[in-house]
Amino acid sequence: MSQLPVPVVTIGLLLASNIFMTFAWYGHLKYKSASLVLVILASWLIALPEYALQVPANRIGHGHFSAAELKTIQEVITLSVFAVFSVLYLKEPLGWNHALGFGFIALGAFFIFHKWA
């Protein structure tokens, strides 16, 4: 992995970690009859690999990216993963207002990453 560019490794790890975390936070919504204790335990078990990916992603990425840039990448990936998850797994449609809101967040990412003279 050390031969891959830092942005590729960082973004790849953040993407993988977000897939785990999205299932940990929202996957249980399809199983409303499951006990809350069971859901919490399952979510914690799913979240453990998320942390095992998230922490190295931030360690590897910091220096190439600032902490604010890492957080911005994280949020954009989180929303992207969630949008796909929401439509494909939860079968909940995304509307124009969601797209507009995500667009504003992407605009925020532009302001974080733009190098101002």
N, C-alpha and C. Protein backbone atom coordinates (compact mmCIF):
# COMPACT_ATOMS: atom_id res chain seq x y z
N MET A 1 0.82 -1.20 0.00
CA MET A 1 0.00 0.00 0.00
C MET A 1 0.86 1.26 0.00
N SER A 2 2.07 1.17 0.50
CA SER A 2 2.92 2.35 0.59
C SER A 2 3.33 2.89 -0.77
N GLN A 3 3.14 2.09 -1.83
CA GLN A 3 3.50 2.56 -3.17
C GLN A 3 2.39 3.38 -3.80
N LEU A 4 1.21 3.31 -3.23
CA LEU A 4 0.10 4.11 -3.75
C LEU A 4 0.22 5.54 -3.23
N PRO A 5 -0.24 6.52 -4.00
CA PRO A 5 -0.19 7.91 -3.53
C PRO A 5 -1.03 8.09 -2.26
N VAL A 6 -0.59 8.97 -1.40
CA VAL A 6 -1.27 9.24 -0.13
C VAL A 6 -2.76 9.56 -0.33
N PRO A 7 -3.13 10.40 -1.29
CA PRO A 7 -4.57 10.67 -1.45
C PRO A 7 -5.38 9.41 -1.80
N VAL A 8 -4.82 8.52 -2.59
CA VAL A 8 -5.53 7.29 -2.97
C VAL A 8 -5.73 6.40 -1.75
N VAL A 9 -4.69 6.23 -0.96
CA VAL A 9 -4.79 5.39 0.25
C VAL A 9 -5.77 6.02 1.23
N THR A 10 -5.62 7.31 1.47
CA THR A 10 -6.48 8.01 2.43
C THR A 10 -7.94 7.92 2.03
N ILE A 11 -8.24 8.27 0.80
CA ILE A 11 -9.63 8.27 0.34
C ILE A 11 -10.18 6.84 0.29
N GLY A 12 -9.37 5.89 -0.12
CA GLY A 12 -9.81 4.49 -0.14
C GLY A 12 -10.17 3.98 1.25
N LEU A 13 -9.32 4.27 2.23
CA LEU A 13 -9.60 3.86 3.61
C LEU A 13 -10.83 4.59 4.16
N LEU A 14 -10.96 5.86 3.85
CA LEU A 14 -12.14 6.61 4.32
C LEU A 14 -13.41 6.07 3.68
N LEU A 15 -13.35 5.71 2.43
CA LEU A 15 -14.52 5.15 1.76
C LEU A 15 -14.92 3.82 2.41
N ALA A 16 -13.95 2.95 2.61
CA ALA A 16 -14.24 1.66 3.25
C ALA A 16 -14.78 1.85 4.66
N SER A 17 -14.18 2.76 5.42
CA SER A 17 -14.63 2.98 6.80
C SER A 17 -16.06 3.51 6.82
N ASN A 18 -16.39 4.35 5.86
CA ASN A 18 -17.74 4.92 5.81
C ASN A 18 -18.80 3.89 5.45
N ILE A 19 -18.44 2.92 4.66
CA ILE A 19 -19.39 1.85 4.34
C ILE A 19 -19.74 1.10 5.62
N PHE A 20 -18.72 0.76 6.41
CA PHE A 20 -18.98 0.09 7.70
C PHE A 20 -19.82 0.97 8.61
N MET A 21 -19.46 2.23 8.73
CA MET A 21 -20.16 3.10 9.68
C MET A 21 -21.60 3.35 9.25
N THR A 22 -21.84 3.46 7.97
CA THR A 22 -23.22 3.65 7.52
C THR A 22 -24.08 2.45 7.89
N PHE A 23 -23.54 1.26 7.72
CA PHE A 23 -24.29 0.07 8.14
C PHE A 23 -24.45 0.03 9.66
N ALA A 24 -23.42 0.45 10.39
CA ALA A 24 -23.52 0.45 11.86
C ALA A 24 -24.59 1.43 12.34
N TRP A 25 -24.66 2.60 11.73
CA TRP A 25 -25.60 3.63 12.18
C TRP A 25 -27.01 3.45 11.65
N TYR A 26 -27.13 2.96 10.41
CA TYR A 26 -28.44 2.96 9.76
C TYR A 26 -28.93 1.59 9.31
N GLY A 27 -28.08 0.59 9.28
CA GLY A 27 -28.47 -0.73 8.80
C GLY A 27 -29.59 -1.36 9.61
N HIS A 28 -29.63 -1.07 10.89
CA HIS A 28 -30.64 -1.65 11.77
C HIS A 28 -32.05 -1.11 11.51
N LEU A 29 -32.17 -0.05 10.75
CA LEU A 29 -33.49 0.54 10.51
C LEU A 29 -34.42 -0.41 9.76
N LYS A 30 -33.85 -1.39 9.08
CA LYS A 30 -34.68 -2.39 8.41
C LYS A 30 -35.16 -3.47 9.38
N TYR A 31 -34.65 -3.47 10.59
CA TYR A 31 -34.97 -4.52 11.57
C TYR A 31 -35.54 -3.90 12.84
N LYS A 32 -36.63 -3.21 12.71
CA LYS A 32 -37.21 -2.49 13.85
C LYS A 32 -37.72 -3.42 14.94
N SER A 33 -37.95 -4.69 14.63
CA SER A 33 -38.43 -5.62 15.65
C SER A 33 -37.30 -6.16 16.52
N ALA A 34 -36.05 -5.98 16.10
CA ALA A 34 -34.91 -6.43 16.90
C ALA A 34 -34.80 -5.57 18.17
N SER A 35 -34.35 -6.20 19.23
CA SER A 35 -34.23 -5.46 20.50
C SER A 35 -33.15 -4.38 20.37
N LEU A 36 -33.35 -3.30 21.10
CA LEU A 36 -32.41 -2.19 21.06
C LEU A 36 -31.02 -2.62 21.53
N VAL A 37 -30.96 -3.45 22.55
CA VAL A 37 -29.66 -3.93 23.06
C VAL A 37 -28.93 -4.71 21.97
N LEU A 38 -29.65 -5.59 21.27
CA LEU A 38 -29.04 -6.36 20.19
C LEU A 38 -28.56 -5.45 19.07
N VAL A 39 -29.37 -4.46 18.74
CA VAL A 39 -29.01 -3.53 17.68
C VAL A 39 -27.76 -2.73 18.07
N ILE A 40 -27.69 -2.29 19.30
CA ILE A 40 -26.51 -1.54 19.76
C ILE A 40 -25.27 -2.42 19.70
N LEU A 41 -25.37 -3.65 20.17
CA LEU A 41 -24.24 -4.57 20.14
C LEU A 41 -23.79 -4.83 18.70
N ALA A 42 -24.73 -5.11 17.83
CA ALA A 42 -24.39 -5.35 16.42
C ALA A 42 -23.75 -4.12 15.80
N SER A 43 -24.27 -2.96 16.12
CA SER A 43 -23.71 -1.71 15.58
C SER A 43 -22.28 -1.50 16.05
N TRP A 44 -22.01 -1.79 17.31
CA TRP A 44 -20.65 -1.66 17.84
C TRP A 44 -19.70 -2.62 17.14
N LEU A 45 -20.16 -3.83 16.89
CA LEU A 45 -19.31 -4.81 16.21
C LEU A 45 -19.02 -4.39 14.77
N ILE A 46 -20.00 -3.77 14.13
CA ILE A 46 -19.79 -3.28 12.76
C ILE A 46 -18.89 -2.05 12.78
N ALA A 47 -19.00 -1.23 13.82
CA ALA A 47 -18.22 0.00 13.89
C ALA A 47 -16.74 -0.26 14.19
N LEU A 48 -16.43 -1.38 14.81
CA LEU A 48 -15.02 -1.66 15.14
C LEU A 48 -14.12 -1.66 13.90
N PRO A 49 -14.50 -2.37 12.82
CA PRO A 49 -13.65 -2.26 11.62
C PRO A 49 -13.61 -0.85 11.04
N GLU A 50 -14.68 -0.10 11.25
CA GLU A 50 -14.69 1.28 10.77
C GLU A 50 -13.56 2.06 11.42
N TYR A 51 -13.41 1.92 12.71
CA TYR A 51 -12.33 2.62 13.41
C TYR A 51 -10.97 2.12 12.97
N ALA A 52 -10.87 0.82 12.69
CA ALA A 52 -9.60 0.25 12.25
C ALA A 52 -9.19 0.78 10.87
N LEU A 53 -10.12 1.31 10.13
CA LEU A 53 -9.83 1.92 8.83
C LEU A 53 -9.72 3.45 8.93
N GLN A 54 -10.57 4.04 9.74
CA GLN A 54 -10.63 5.50 9.86
C GLN A 54 -9.35 6.08 10.47
N VAL A 55 -8.89 5.49 11.54
CA VAL A 55 -7.72 6.03 12.24
C VAL A 55 -6.48 6.01 11.34
N PRO A 56 -6.18 4.89 10.67
CA PRO A 56 -5.02 4.93 9.76
C PRO A 56 -5.22 5.90 8.59
N ALA A 57 -6.45 6.02 8.12
CA ALA A 57 -6.71 6.96 7.02
C ALA A 57 -6.30 8.38 7.43
N ASN A 58 -6.70 8.78 8.62
CA ASN A 58 -6.35 10.12 9.08
C ASN A 58 -4.86 10.25 9.38
N ARG A 59 -4.26 9.21 9.93
CA ARG A 59 -2.82 9.24 10.19
C ARG A 59 -2.02 9.37 8.91
N ILE A 60 -2.40 8.55 7.91
CA ILE A 60 -1.68 8.55 6.64
C ILE A 60 -1.92 9.87 5.90
N GLY A 61 -3.15 10.35 5.93
CA GLY A 61 -3.51 11.54 5.17
C GLY A 61 -3.04 12.85 5.76
N HIS A 62 -2.89 12.88 7.10
CA HIS A 62 -2.52 14.15 7.74
C HIS A 62 -1.08 14.51 7.38
N GLY A 63 -0.90 15.70 6.96
CA GLY A 63 0.40 16.14 6.45
C GLY A 63 0.26 16.44 4.97
N HIS A 64 -0.33 15.48 4.25
CA HIS A 64 -0.67 15.74 2.86
C HIS A 64 -1.92 16.62 2.83
N PHE A 65 -2.87 16.29 3.70
CA PHE A 65 -4.09 17.07 3.87
C PHE A 65 -4.07 17.70 5.26
N SER A 66 -4.68 18.86 5.40
CA SER A 66 -4.87 19.44 6.73
C SER A 66 -6.00 18.69 7.43
N ALA A 67 -6.13 18.89 8.73
CA ALA A 67 -7.23 18.25 9.47
C ALA A 67 -8.58 18.69 8.91
N ALA A 68 -8.72 19.96 8.56
CA ALA A 68 -9.97 20.45 7.98
C ALA A 68 -10.25 19.79 6.64
N GLU A 69 -9.22 19.58 5.84
CA GLU A 69 -9.41 18.91 4.56
C GLU A 69 -9.80 17.45 4.76
N LEU A 70 -9.16 16.77 5.73
CA LEU A 70 -9.52 15.38 6.02
C LEU A 70 -10.98 15.28 6.45
N LYS A 71 -11.41 16.18 7.30
CA LYS A 71 -12.80 16.16 7.75
C LYS A 71 -13.75 16.43 6.60
N THR A 72 -13.39 17.32 5.71
CA THR A 72 -14.22 17.63 4.56
C THR A 72 -14.33 16.43 3.63
N ILE A 73 -13.21 15.76 3.38
CA ILE A 73 -13.23 14.54 2.57
C ILE A 73 -14.15 13.52 3.22
N GLN A 74 -14.00 13.37 4.52
CA GLN A 74 -14.83 12.43 5.28
C GLN A 74 -16.32 12.73 5.10
N GLU A 75 -16.70 13.96 5.21
CA GLU A 75 -18.12 14.33 5.11
C GLU A 75 -18.67 14.13 3.70
N VAL A 76 -17.89 14.47 2.70
CA VAL A 76 -18.35 14.27 1.32
C VAL A 76 -18.51 12.77 1.04
N ILE A 77 -17.55 11.97 1.50
CA ILE A 77 -17.66 10.52 1.33
C ILE A 77 -18.86 9.99 2.10
N THR A 78 -19.05 10.46 3.33
CA THR A 78 -20.17 10.02 4.16
C THR A 78 -21.50 10.26 3.45
N LEU A 79 -21.69 11.44 2.92
CA LEU A 79 -22.94 11.75 2.22
C LEU A 79 -23.10 10.94 0.95
N SER A 80 -22.01 10.72 0.24
CA SER A 80 -22.07 9.92 -0.98
C SER A 80 -22.45 8.48 -0.67
N VAL A 81 -21.78 7.90 0.32
CA VAL A 81 -22.09 6.52 0.72
C VAL A 81 -23.52 6.45 1.24
N PHE A 82 -23.92 7.42 2.05
CA PHE A 82 -25.28 7.41 2.59
C PHE A 82 -26.34 7.51 1.50
N ALA A 83 -26.10 8.33 0.50
CA ALA A 83 -27.07 8.48 -0.59
C ALA A 83 -27.28 7.15 -1.30
N VAL A 84 -26.21 6.46 -1.61
CA VAL A 84 -26.32 5.16 -2.26
C VAL A 84 -27.00 4.16 -1.34
N PHE A 85 -26.59 4.14 -0.07
CA PHE A 85 -27.17 3.24 0.93
C PHE A 85 -28.66 3.47 1.10
N SER A 86 -29.04 4.72 1.17
CA SER A 86 -30.43 5.08 1.38
C SER A 86 -31.31 4.57 0.25
N VAL A 87 -30.84 4.74 -0.97
CA VAL A 87 -31.63 4.33 -2.13
C VAL A 87 -31.61 2.81 -2.30
N LEU A 88 -30.43 2.19 -2.24
CA LEU A 88 -30.32 0.77 -2.54
C LEU A 88 -30.70 -0.14 -1.37
N TYR A 89 -30.33 0.23 -0.16
CA TYR A 89 -30.56 -0.65 0.99
C TYR A 89 -31.88 -0.34 1.70
N LEU A 90 -32.08 0.93 2.00
CA LEU A 90 -33.30 1.32 2.71
C LEU A 90 -34.49 1.54 1.77
N LYS A 91 -34.21 1.62 0.49
CA LYS A 91 -35.25 1.84 -0.53
C LYS A 91 -36.00 3.16 -0.30
N GLU A 92 -35.26 4.16 0.14
CA GLU A 92 -35.82 5.49 0.35
C GLU A 92 -35.32 6.41 -0.77
N PRO A 93 -36.23 7.04 -1.46
CA PRO A 93 -35.80 7.91 -2.57
C PRO A 93 -35.14 9.19 -2.05
N LEU A 94 -34.26 9.72 -2.86
CA LEU A 94 -33.66 11.02 -2.58
C LEU A 94 -34.33 12.03 -3.50
N GLY A 95 -34.71 13.15 -2.95
CA GLY A 95 -35.40 14.18 -3.71
C GLY A 95 -34.47 15.30 -4.14
N TRP A 96 -35.07 16.25 -4.82
CA TRP A 96 -34.30 17.40 -5.30
C TRP A 96 -33.70 18.18 -4.13
N ASN A 97 -34.44 18.22 -3.00
CA ASN A 97 -33.93 18.96 -1.84
C ASN A 97 -32.68 18.30 -1.26
N HIS A 98 -32.63 16.96 -1.32
CA HIS A 98 -31.43 16.26 -0.87
C HIS A 98 -30.25 16.60 -1.78
N ALA A 99 -30.51 16.55 -3.09
CA ALA A 99 -29.46 16.87 -4.06
C ALA A 99 -28.97 18.30 -3.87
N LEU A 100 -29.89 19.22 -3.64
CA LEU A 100 -29.51 20.61 -3.42
C LEU A 100 -28.68 20.76 -2.14
N GLY A 101 -29.11 20.11 -1.07
CA GLY A 101 -28.36 20.16 0.19
C GLY A 101 -26.97 19.57 0.03
N PHE A 102 -26.88 18.42 -0.65
CA PHE A 102 -25.57 17.81 -0.88
C PHE A 102 -24.72 18.72 -1.76
N GLY A 103 -25.36 19.39 -2.70
CA GLY A 103 -24.63 20.33 -3.55
C GLY A 103 -24.03 21.48 -2.75
N PHE A 104 -24.78 21.98 -1.78
CA PHE A 104 -24.24 23.04 -0.92
C PHE A 104 -23.05 22.54 -0.10
N ILE A 105 -23.12 21.31 0.33
CA ILE A 105 -21.99 20.74 1.08
C ILE A 105 -20.78 20.60 0.15
N ALA A 106 -21.02 20.19 -1.10
CA ALA A 106 -19.92 20.11 -2.07
C ALA A 106 -19.34 21.50 -2.33
N LEU A 107 -20.20 22.51 -2.35
CA LEU A 107 -19.71 23.88 -2.50
C LEU A 107 -18.83 24.27 -1.31
N GLY A 108 -19.24 23.85 -0.12
CA GLY A 108 -18.41 24.07 1.07
C GLY A 108 -17.05 23.40 0.93
N ALA A 109 -17.04 22.20 0.36
CA ALA A 109 -15.77 21.49 0.15
C ALA A 109 -14.88 22.28 -0.81
N PHE A 110 -15.49 22.90 -1.82
CA PHE A 110 -14.71 23.73 -2.73
C PHE A 110 -13.99 24.84 -1.95
N PHE A 111 -14.70 25.50 -1.05
CA PHE A 111 -14.09 26.59 -0.29
C PHE A 111 -12.98 26.09 0.64
N ILE A 112 -13.13 24.87 1.16
CA ILE A 112 -12.07 24.30 2.01
C ILE A 112 -10.82 24.01 1.21
N PHE A 113 -10.98 23.46 0.01
CA PHE A 113 -9.84 23.00 -0.77
C PHE A 113 -9.24 24.05 -1.70
N HIS A 114 -9.97 25.09 -2.00
CA HIS A 114 -9.44 26.12 -2.90
C HIS A 114 -8.28 26.84 -2.25
N LYS A 115 -7.22 27.00 -2.99
CA LYS A 115 -6.04 27.72 -2.48
C LYS A 115 -6.21 29.21 -2.80
N TRP A 116 -6.53 29.97 -1.77
CA TRP A 116 -6.80 31.39 -1.94
C TRP A 116 -5.50 32.16 -1.94
N ALA A 117 -5.34 33.06 -2.88
CA ALA A 117 -4.10 33.82 -3.01
C ALA A 117 -4.04 34.97 -2.03
